[in-house]
Amino acid sequence: MNLEKYILAVITMNREKVSAGGAPIFFVSDKEEQEKVAVTLARITEGVIHDLENGVFILVKH
């Protein structure tokens, strides 16, 4: 089995929007911190940031 795309991380301000799963969840206090954490993780993992437009970002490996 070869996985080509998968979620590396979830970054959110709202604990009610996500639940435990296969990817680490990073809880942040505001939008600025959310963007900073997402960009930093994307650089480290070479992932791509996707804004779900509900207060949740996901970091995906393509």
Protein backbone atom coordinates (compact mmCIF):
# COMPACT_ATOMS: atom_id res chain seq x y z
CA MET A 1 0.00 0.00 0.00
CA ASN A 2 1.34 3.42 -0.96
CA LEU A 3 -0.17 6.53 0.60
CA GLU A 4 0.28 9.53 -1.64
CA LYS A 5 -1.66 12.11 0.35
CA TYR A 6 -2.21 12.28 4.08
CA ILE A 7 -2.87 14.79 6.87
CA LEU A 8 0.26 15.63 8.84
CA ALA A 9 -1.29 17.99 11.41
CA VAL A 10 -4.37 19.97 12.39
CA ILE A 11 -4.06 23.55 13.69
CA THR A 12 -7.09 25.12 15.35
CA MET A 13 -8.28 27.72 17.84
CA ASN A 14 -11.46 25.80 18.63
CA ARG A 15 -11.21 22.49 20.51
CA GLU A 16 -14.82 21.68 19.58
CA LYS A 17 -14.06 21.59 15.85
CA VAL A 18 -11.69 18.60 15.99
CA SER A 19 -11.31 15.33 17.84
CA ALA A 20 -8.49 12.87 18.31
CA GLY A 21 -7.45 11.03 15.20
CA GLY A 22 -4.43 10.00 13.24
CA ALA A 23 -2.77 13.42 13.04
CA PRO A 24 -1.39 15.63 15.82
CA ILE A 25 -3.60 18.57 16.80
CA PHE A 26 -2.05 21.92 17.64
CA PHE A 27 -4.27 24.27 19.66
CA VAL A 28 -3.48 27.98 19.27
CA SER A 29 -4.86 31.11 20.92
CA ASP A 30 -5.41 33.40 17.91
CA LYS A 31 -5.29 33.63 14.10
CA GLU A 32 -1.77 35.07 14.06
CA GLU A 33 -0.39 32.16 16.08
CA GLN A 34 -2.35 29.72 13.92
CA GLU A 35 -0.77 31.05 10.73
CA LYS A 36 2.72 31.09 12.28
CA VAL A 37 2.45 27.49 13.52
CA ALA A 38 1.03 26.30 10.19
CA VAL A 39 3.79 27.96 8.16
CA THR A 40 6.53 26.68 10.46
CA LEU A 41 5.20 23.12 10.35
CA ALA A 42 4.81 23.30 6.57
CA ARG A 43 8.45 24.32 6.19
CA ILE A 44 9.65 21.55 8.50
CA THR A 45 7.55 18.79 6.93
CA GLU A 46 7.40 20.10 3.35
CA GLY A 47 3.62 19.91 3.65
CA VAL A 48 0.91 22.14 2.20
CA ILE A 49 -1.44 24.25 4.33
CA HIS A 50 -5.17 24.10 3.64
CA ASP A 51 -7.58 26.51 5.35
CA LEU A 52 -10.92 24.76 5.89
CA GLU A 53 -12.47 28.20 6.51
CA ASN A 54 -14.04 27.09 9.78
CA GLY A 55 -11.16 28.00 12.07
CA VAL A 56 -9.23 24.85 11.20
CA PHE A 57 -6.06 24.50 9.13
CA ILE A 58 -4.79 21.13 8.02
CA LEU A 59 -1.28 20.36 6.89
CA VAL A 60 -1.22 17.79 4.08
CA LYS A 61 1.59 15.88 2.43
CA HIS A 62 0.92 15.61 -1.32
